[in-house]
Amino acid sequence: MIDFKLLSQSGTARAGVFGTVHGKIETPVFMPVGTQATVKAVSPEELKAGGAQIILGNTYHLYLRPGCDIIGRFAGLHRFMNWDRPILTDSGGFQVFSLARLRKLTEEGYAFQSHIDGSRHMLSPEKSIEVQICLNSDIIMCLDQCLAHPATHEQAEAALALTTRWAQRCKAFWQERTDRQNSLFGIVQGGMFADLRARSAEAIAAIGFPGYAIGGLSVGEPKALMMDMAARTLPLLPDDRPRYVMGVGTPEDLVELVDLGADMFDCVMPTRNARNGQLFTERGTVNICNARFREDEGPVDAACDCYTCRHYSLAYLRHLYTAREILAYRLNTIHNLHYYLNLVNGMRAAILAGTFDRFKKAFYSKRNE
């Protein structure tokens, strides 16, 4: 069970720490996404070298392939993928939701067809927790009902109510089937409606969880609306538990959300953008295929000390990417993950020093040069 300790605040930005069976996690923290028991293009050893404390796995994909019969032989994901640090698994709900025509929502759960072979399955709250227990993740997530934007107040209210009932079922099953060495997080929903977000936060907190997540953001809404919902919801979550904003986002998103009091983040952006030739730097995004880098002997970012920037030039990285060499994806991903992990580490250090406002101003000043 998580024992979250809040170490320092700088305004509403928080720095904390909590323990898991597979190690402690210092917050704010960014979790690289390892959907299918791998963070695309990099090894666990490279993740460790870059400073990753915890990674995220996906219940839906791992349930379908390779399945619990295989992962169970290894007593969970850690030994299966040779990662001995903490793992968080999402519930699979968002992936099933995104199947659209291949799924049907009922009180029992999501009835769906596999995108791989068309086989039929039922993802109930209990089944989601059962699979995550098999995966032996350190942090497991309740199954919730996801909504795309825009949604009506009536639709969001119904999803909120179902998410709350499912959260109760998830907790009951988790308490019955585990020794509670791992931790179960509840998820706040409510669409883009402040009154529903408040109601959901109150209901999920009343059930009681070791940590809390805000779901249903970054689903197509304008950025200002996303930040408004986060700003209204984060203060309603318990101070003595980790606060996780799911599936977000850009470097600017992370800075703004930490300023609002968020502790945990995951996003595919650093890895996906790396494979699309976009590299993050403290002065903005570099598109590596740009012709101006053809003869550039310098690194992606002179201020970066990642493996890629210490060893390779922009000209070489551009060559690899335009030639579609596999090494391009690895080196680009190493750099982008280092950037994200370094960003949250910098925010943590600033919070502990009481200088987060100064950090934020410097962050934007460099990106606007």
Protein backbone atom coordinates (compact mmCIF):
# COMPACT_ATOMS: atom_id res chain seq x y z
CA MET A 1 0.00 0.00 0.00
CA ILE A 2 1.23 3.50 -0.85
CA ASP A 3 2.46 5.68 2.00
CA PHE A 4 2.58 9.05 0.26
CA LYS A 5 4.67 11.74 1.93
CA LEU A 6 4.37 15.33 0.83
CA LEU A 7 7.88 16.75 1.22
CA SER A 8 7.50 20.30 -0.04
CA GLN A 9 5.21 22.75 -1.79
CA SER A 10 6.04 25.79 -3.86
CA GLY A 11 2.72 27.53 -4.28
CA THR A 12 0.40 24.65 -5.16
CA ALA A 13 3.17 22.65 -6.90
CA ARG A 14 4.03 19.55 -4.87
CA ALA A 15 7.06 17.31 -4.37
CA GLY A 16 6.51 13.99 -2.64
CA VAL A 17 7.58 10.38 -2.41
CA PHE A 18 5.87 7.02 -1.98
CA GLY A 19 6.99 3.44 -1.83
CA THR A 20 6.03 0.33 -3.76
CA VAL A 21 7.20 -3.29 -3.60
CA HIS A 22 9.56 -2.56 -6.50
CA GLY A 23 10.97 0.71 -5.22
CA LYS A 24 10.14 4.25 -4.29
CA ILE A 25 8.73 6.89 -6.62
CA GLU A 26 9.65 10.55 -6.30
CA THR A 27 7.07 13.02 -7.56
CA PRO A 28 6.41 14.83 -9.82
CA VAL A 29 7.01 11.81 -12.02
CA PHE A 30 6.62 11.04 -15.72
CA MET A 31 5.85 7.45 -16.68
CA PRO A 32 7.02 6.28 -20.13
CA VAL A 33 4.32 4.27 -21.88
CA GLY A 34 5.14 0.60 -22.46
CA THR A 35 1.85 -0.53 -23.97
CA GLN A 36 2.84 -4.10 -24.86
CA ALA A 37 5.44 -4.76 -22.14
CA THR A 38 7.98 -2.59 -23.93
CA VAL A 39 8.61 1.12 -24.31
CA LYS A 40 8.93 1.25 -28.08
CA ALA A 41 12.47 1.34 -29.48
CA VAL A 42 14.35 1.28 -26.14
CA SER A 43 15.45 -1.38 -23.68
CA PRO A 44 14.80 -1.45 -19.93
CA GLU A 45 18.50 -0.75 -19.42
CA GLU A 46 18.24 2.41 -21.53
CA LEU A 47 15.17 3.47 -19.58
CA LYS A 48 17.07 3.12 -16.34
CA ALA A 49 20.02 5.04 -17.72
CA GLY A 50 17.63 7.85 -18.64
CA GLY A 51 16.21 7.96 -15.11
CA ALA A 52 12.80 6.32 -15.53
CA GLN A 53 11.38 5.42 -12.13
CA ILE A 54 8.18 3.72 -13.28
CA ILE A 55 6.64 2.68 -16.60
CA LEU A 56 3.08 2.08 -17.75
CA GLY A 57 1.66 -1.10 -19.28
CA ASN A 58 -1.70 -1.68 -20.95
CA THR A 59 -4.18 -4.22 -19.62
CA TYR A 60 -6.20 -4.53 -22.84
CA HIS A 61 -3.25 -5.29 -25.10
CA LEU A 62 -1.46 -7.60 -22.66
CA TYR A 63 -4.66 -9.51 -21.88
CA LEU A 64 -5.11 -10.25 -25.59
CA ARG A 65 -1.44 -10.84 -26.36
CA PRO A 66 0.49 -12.66 -24.97
CA GLY A 67 -2.19 -13.25 -22.31
CA CYS A 68 -2.15 -14.04 -18.62
CA ASP A 69 -1.36 -17.70 -19.26
CA ILE A 70 2.06 -16.62 -20.54
CA ILE A 71 2.76 -13.65 -18.26
CA GLY A 72 1.58 -15.68 -15.26
CA ARG A 73 4.41 -18.15 -15.87
CA PHE A 74 6.79 -15.28 -15.09
CA ALA A 75 4.81 -14.16 -12.02
CA GLY A 76 4.00 -10.89 -13.73
CA LEU A 77 5.37 -8.23 -16.03
CA HIS A 78 8.52 -7.43 -14.10
CA ARG A 79 10.35 -10.69 -14.78
CA PHE A 80 8.66 -11.10 -18.16
CA MET A 81 10.14 -7.86 -19.49
CA ASN A 82 13.21 -7.66 -17.23
CA TRP A 83 12.10 -4.47 -15.46
CA ASP A 84 12.64 -4.48 -11.70
CA ARG A 85 11.24 -1.02 -10.96
CA PRO A 86 7.56 -0.07 -10.41
CA ILE A 87 4.89 -0.60 -13.07
CA LEU A 88 1.47 1.03 -13.41
CA THR A 89 -1.15 -0.63 -15.59
CA ASP A 90 -4.20 1.14 -16.94
CA SER A 91 -7.53 -0.66 -16.82
CA GLY A 92 -7.96 -1.23 -20.55
CA GLY A 93 -11.13 0.84 -20.59
CA PHE A 94 -9.83 3.57 -22.89
CA GLN A 95 -8.62 1.05 -25.47
CA VAL A 96 -11.94 -0.80 -25.48
CA PHE A 97 -13.77 2.53 -25.69
CA SER A 98 -11.72 3.45 -28.76
CA LEU A 99 -12.84 0.27 -30.56
CA ALA A 100 -16.23 1.96 -31.20
CA ARG A 101 -18.04 -0.51 -33.47
CA LEU A 102 -16.36 -3.53 -31.88
CA ARG A 103 -17.70 -3.01 -28.35
CA LYS A 104 -20.94 -2.68 -26.41
CA LEU A 105 -21.27 -1.00 -23.03
CA THR A 106 -23.53 -2.47 -20.32
CA GLU A 107 -23.73 -2.33 -16.54
CA GLU A 108 -21.65 -5.52 -16.46
CA GLY A 109 -18.78 -3.99 -18.43
CA TYR A 110 -17.50 -3.70 -21.98
CA ALA A 111 -18.37 -6.55 -24.34
CA PHE A 112 -15.89 -6.31 -27.19
CA GLN A 113 -14.27 -8.05 -30.11
CA SER A 114 -10.51 -8.33 -30.28
CA HIS A 115 -8.91 -6.05 -32.86
CA ILE A 116 -6.43 -8.89 -33.48
CA ASP A 117 -8.63 -11.88 -34.34
CA GLY A 118 -12.24 -10.83 -33.76
CA SER A 119 -12.67 -13.07 -30.70
CA ARG A 120 -15.29 -11.94 -28.17
CA HIS A 121 -14.51 -10.88 -24.61
CA MET A 122 -16.07 -9.17 -21.59
CA LEU A 123 -14.03 -6.57 -19.73
CA SER A 124 -15.84 -6.09 -16.43
CA PRO A 125 -14.46 -4.20 -13.44
CA GLU A 126 -13.61 -7.52 -11.84
CA LYS A 127 -11.94 -8.86 -14.98
CA SER A 128 -9.83 -5.73 -15.34
CA ILE A 129 -8.57 -6.06 -11.77
CA GLU A 130 -8.02 -9.80 -12.21
CA VAL A 131 -5.82 -9.23 -15.25
CA GLN A 132 -3.87 -6.47 -13.51
CA ILE A 133 -3.29 -8.74 -10.52
CA CYS A 134 -1.90 -11.32 -12.95
CA LEU A 135 0.37 -8.64 -14.41
CA ASN A 136 1.52 -7.96 -10.83
CA SER A 137 1.65 -4.22 -11.40
CA ASP A 138 2.48 -2.00 -8.47
CA ILE A 139 -0.33 0.44 -9.27
CA ILE A 140 -3.55 -0.80 -10.83
CA MET A 141 -6.38 1.34 -12.13
CA CYS A 142 -10.14 1.04 -11.72
CA LEU A 143 -12.18 0.44 -14.85
CA ASP A 144 -14.03 3.60 -15.82
CA GLN A 145 -16.30 4.77 -18.63
CA CYS A 146 -14.47 7.04 -21.04
CA LEU A 147 -16.22 9.76 -23.03
CA ALA A 148 -15.07 11.54 -26.15
CA HIS A 149 -15.45 15.30 -26.47
CA PRO A 150 -17.98 16.73 -26.96
CA ALA A 151 -20.47 14.98 -24.68
CA THR A 152 -23.69 16.30 -23.21
CA HIS A 153 -24.20 16.93 -19.51
CA GLU A 154 -26.61 13.99 -19.44
CA GLN A 155 -24.08 11.64 -21.07
CA ALA A 156 -21.30 12.76 -18.72
CA GLU A 157 -23.55 12.36 -15.69
CA ALA A 158 -24.47 8.81 -16.69
CA ALA A 159 -20.80 7.93 -17.27
CA LEU A 160 -19.91 9.41 -13.90
CA ALA A 161 -22.52 7.27 -12.15
CA LEU A 162 -21.37 4.09 -13.92
CA THR A 163 -17.72 4.89 -13.19
CA THR A 164 -18.58 5.27 -9.50
CA ARG A 165 -20.44 1.94 -9.36
CA TRP A 166 -17.57 0.25 -11.17
CA ALA A 167 -15.07 1.80 -8.75
CA GLN A 168 -16.93 0.21 -5.84
CA ARG A 169 -16.82 -3.17 -7.59
CA CYS A 170 -13.12 -2.78 -8.40
CA LYS A 171 -12.26 -1.99 -4.79
CA ALA A 172 -14.30 -4.89 -3.43
CA PHE A 173 -12.62 -7.33 -5.83
CA TRP A 174 -9.15 -5.90 -5.12
CA GLN A 175 -9.65 -6.21 -1.37
CA GLU A 176 -10.91 -9.78 -1.74
CA ARG A 177 -8.21 -11.05 -4.11
CA THR A 178 -5.00 -9.33 -2.99
CA ASP A 179 -2.85 -8.80 0.07
CA ARG A 180 -2.88 -5.10 -0.89
CA GLN A 181 0.85 -4.94 -1.47
CA ASN A 182 -0.02 -3.20 -4.73
CA SER A 183 -2.23 -0.11 -4.84
CA LEU A 184 -5.55 0.62 -6.55
CA PHE A 185 -6.25 4.11 -7.90
CA GLY A 186 -9.73 5.52 -8.39
CA ILE A 187 -10.51 7.64 -11.44
CA VAL A 188 -12.48 10.89 -11.53
CA GLN A 189 -14.66 11.47 -14.57
CA GLY A 190 -17.36 14.06 -15.33
CA GLY A 191 -16.66 15.26 -18.85
CA MET A 192 -16.11 18.98 -19.31
CA PHE A 193 -18.58 19.99 -16.60
CA ALA A 194 -17.26 21.46 -13.36
CA ASP A 195 -20.26 20.38 -11.30
CA LEU A 196 -19.89 16.77 -12.44
CA ARG A 197 -16.14 16.79 -11.84
CA ALA A 198 -16.81 17.96 -8.27
CA ARG A 199 -19.45 15.30 -7.76
CA SER A 200 -17.17 12.57 -9.14
CA ALA A 201 -14.20 13.66 -7.02
CA GLU A 202 -16.37 13.56 -3.89
CA ALA A 203 -17.82 10.14 -4.73
CA ILE A 204 -14.50 8.50 -5.63
CA ALA A 205 -12.76 9.98 -2.56
CA ALA A 206 -15.60 8.68 -0.37
CA ILE A 207 -14.93 5.13 -1.59
CA GLY A 208 -11.32 5.57 -0.53
CA PHE A 209 -8.25 4.69 -2.60
CA PRO A 210 -4.47 4.80 -2.12
CA GLY A 211 -4.26 7.26 -5.04
CA TYR A 212 -6.49 9.19 -7.42
CA ALA A 213 -6.44 9.87 -11.14
CA ILE A 214 -8.20 12.40 -13.35
CA GLY A 215 -9.44 10.70 -16.50
CA GLY A 216 -11.27 11.98 -19.54
CA LEU A 217 -8.89 14.85 -20.36
CA SER A 218 -7.04 15.36 -23.64
CA VAL A 219 -9.87 13.64 -25.54
CA GLY A 220 -10.37 16.33 -28.19
CA GLU A 221 -11.30 19.33 -26.08
CA PRO A 222 -9.58 22.74 -26.45
CA LYS A 223 -6.43 23.09 -24.34
CA ALA A 224 -7.90 25.91 -22.25
CA LEU A 225 -10.90 23.76 -21.34
CA MET A 226 -8.66 20.83 -20.37
CA MET A 227 -6.65 23.06 -18.04
CA ASP A 228 -9.79 24.56 -16.56
CA MET A 229 -11.16 21.10 -15.71
CA ALA A 230 -7.83 20.08 -14.18
CA ALA A 231 -7.65 23.30 -12.17
CA ARG A 232 -11.15 22.73 -10.81
CA THR A 233 -10.61 19.04 -10.03
CA LEU A 234 -7.11 18.74 -8.56
CA PRO A 235 -7.85 20.76 -5.38
CA LEU A 236 -10.79 18.44 -4.65
CA LEU A 237 -8.58 15.34 -4.40
CA PRO A 238 -7.10 14.31 -1.04
CA ASP A 239 -3.84 16.11 -0.21
CA ASP A 240 -2.29 12.99 1.29
CA ARG A 241 -2.58 10.81 -1.83
CA PRO A 242 -0.83 10.91 -5.23
CA ARG A 243 -2.71 12.77 -7.95
CA TYR A 244 -2.38 11.35 -11.45
CA VAL A 245 -3.48 13.18 -14.62
CA MET A 246 -3.89 10.46 -17.25
CA GLY A 247 -2.66 10.66 -20.85
CA VAL A 248 -1.25 14.21 -20.74
CA GLY A 249 0.74 15.71 -22.45
CA THR A 250 3.09 18.31 -23.93
CA PRO A 251 6.00 19.77 -21.94
CA GLU A 252 3.89 22.88 -21.37
CA ASP A 253 1.03 20.70 -20.10
CA LEU A 254 3.28 19.06 -17.53
CA VAL A 255 4.60 22.39 -16.24
CA GLU A 256 1.10 23.87 -15.94
CA LEU A 257 -0.36 20.76 -14.29
CA VAL A 258 2.47 20.48 -11.78
CA ASP A 259 1.79 24.13 -10.95
CA LEU A 260 -1.83 23.13 -10.28
CA GLY A 261 -0.81 20.34 -7.89
CA ALA A 262 -0.57 17.20 -10.08
CA ASP A 263 2.00 14.52 -9.22
CA MET A 264 1.97 11.83 -11.94
CA PHE A 265 1.77 11.80 -15.74
CA ASP A 266 1.94 9.44 -18.69
CA CYS A 267 1.85 10.18 -22.39
CA VAL A 268 2.93 8.56 -25.65
CA MET A 269 4.11 11.91 -27.01
CA PRO A 270 7.87 11.57 -26.35
CA THR A 271 8.04 8.10 -27.92
CA ARG A 272 5.52 8.60 -30.72
CA ASN A 273 6.94 11.96 -31.73
CA ALA A 274 10.43 10.47 -31.72
CA ARG A 275 9.33 7.93 -34.32
CA ASN A 276 7.84 10.81 -36.34
CA GLY A 277 11.11 12.77 -36.30
CA GLN A 278 10.16 15.37 -33.69
CA LEU A 279 12.68 15.98 -30.91
CA PHE A 280 11.98 18.03 -27.79
CA THR A 281 14.49 20.60 -26.57
CA GLU A 282 14.39 23.34 -23.97
CA ARG A 283 14.00 25.83 -26.85
CA GLY A 284 11.19 24.04 -28.61
CA THR A 285 10.65 21.16 -31.00
CA VAL A 286 13.17 20.12 -33.65
CA ASN A 287 11.94 18.44 -36.83
CA ILE A 288 14.91 16.26 -37.64
CA CYS A 289 14.05 15.86 -41.35
CA ASN A 290 14.50 19.60 -41.91
CA ALA A 291 17.06 20.22 -44.68
CA ARG A 292 18.92 22.79 -42.58
CA PHE A 293 20.32 19.96 -40.43
CA ARG A 294 21.89 18.14 -43.37
CA GLU A 295 25.41 19.33 -42.52
CA ASP A 296 24.90 20.29 -38.86
CA GLU A 297 27.70 18.86 -36.70
CA GLY A 298 26.11 19.90 -33.42
CA PRO A 299 23.85 17.86 -31.11
CA VAL A 300 20.08 18.11 -30.93
CA ASP A 301 20.37 20.20 -27.77
CA ALA A 302 23.69 21.57 -26.50
CA ALA A 303 22.23 21.71 -22.98
CA CYS A 304 21.24 18.02 -23.02
CA ASP A 305 23.50 15.29 -21.62
CA CYS A 306 21.54 12.28 -22.93
CA TYR A 307 23.34 9.46 -24.74
CA THR A 308 22.12 10.70 -28.13
CA CYS A 309 23.28 14.29 -27.66
CA ARG A 310 26.65 13.20 -26.25
CA HIS A 311 27.47 10.94 -29.18
CA TYR A 312 25.60 11.96 -32.35
CA SER A 313 25.17 15.01 -34.56
CA LEU A 314 22.02 16.45 -36.04
CA ALA A 315 23.38 15.60 -39.50
CA TYR A 316 23.72 11.92 -38.58
CA LEU A 317 20.31 11.77 -36.91
CA ARG A 318 18.75 13.39 -39.97
CA HIS A 319 20.48 10.85 -42.22
CA LEU A 320 19.23 7.93 -40.13
CA TYR A 321 15.68 9.27 -40.08
CA THR A 322 15.43 10.07 -43.78
CA ALA A 323 16.92 6.63 -44.58
CA ARG A 324 14.34 5.09 -42.20
CA GLU A 325 17.04 3.25 -40.30
CA ILE A 326 15.86 1.53 -37.10
CA LEU A 327 18.61 3.24 -35.12
CA ALA A 328 16.89 6.58 -35.77
CA TYR A 329 13.88 5.57 -33.68
CA ARG A 330 16.05 4.34 -30.83
CA LEU A 331 18.26 7.43 -30.65
CA ASN A 332 15.34 9.84 -31.06
CA THR A 333 13.38 8.04 -28.34
CA ILE A 334 16.31 8.04 -25.91
CA HIS A 335 16.58 11.81 -26.34
CA ASN A 336 12.87 12.58 -25.98
CA LEU A 337 12.43 10.42 -22.90
CA HIS A 338 15.50 12.01 -21.35
CA TYR A 339 13.99 15.43 -22.02
CA TYR A 340 10.68 14.53 -20.31
CA LEU A 341 12.33 12.81 -17.36
CA ASN A 342 14.78 15.68 -16.93
CA LEU A 343 11.90 18.16 -17.07
CA VAL A 344 10.03 16.59 -14.16
CA ASN A 345 13.26 16.18 -12.20
CA GLY A 346 13.95 19.87 -12.70
CA MET A 347 10.47 20.75 -11.48
CA ARG A 348 10.93 18.55 -8.41
CA ALA A 349 14.23 20.20 -7.54
CA ALA A 350 12.67 23.65 -7.92
CA ILE A 351 9.73 22.73 -5.68
CA LEU A 352 12.06 21.40 -3.00
CA ALA A 353 14.04 24.63 -3.22
CA GLY A 354 10.89 26.76 -3.13
CA THR A 355 11.67 28.28 -6.53
CA PHE A 356 9.06 26.75 -8.82
CA ASP A 357 7.80 30.14 -10.04
CA ARG A 358 11.34 30.99 -11.15
CA PHE A 359 11.65 27.60 -12.88
CA LYS A 360 8.40 28.13 -14.76
CA LYS A 361 9.40 31.58 -15.95
CA ALA A 362 12.77 30.28 -17.17
CA PHE A 363 11.06 27.35 -18.93
CA TYR A 364 8.85 29.66 -20.99
CA SER A 365 11.60 32.21 -21.53
CA LYS A 366 13.83 29.60 -23.22
CA ARG A 367 11.02 28.21 -25.35
CA ASN A 368 10.11 31.70 -26.56
CA GLU A 369 13.65 32.68 -27.61
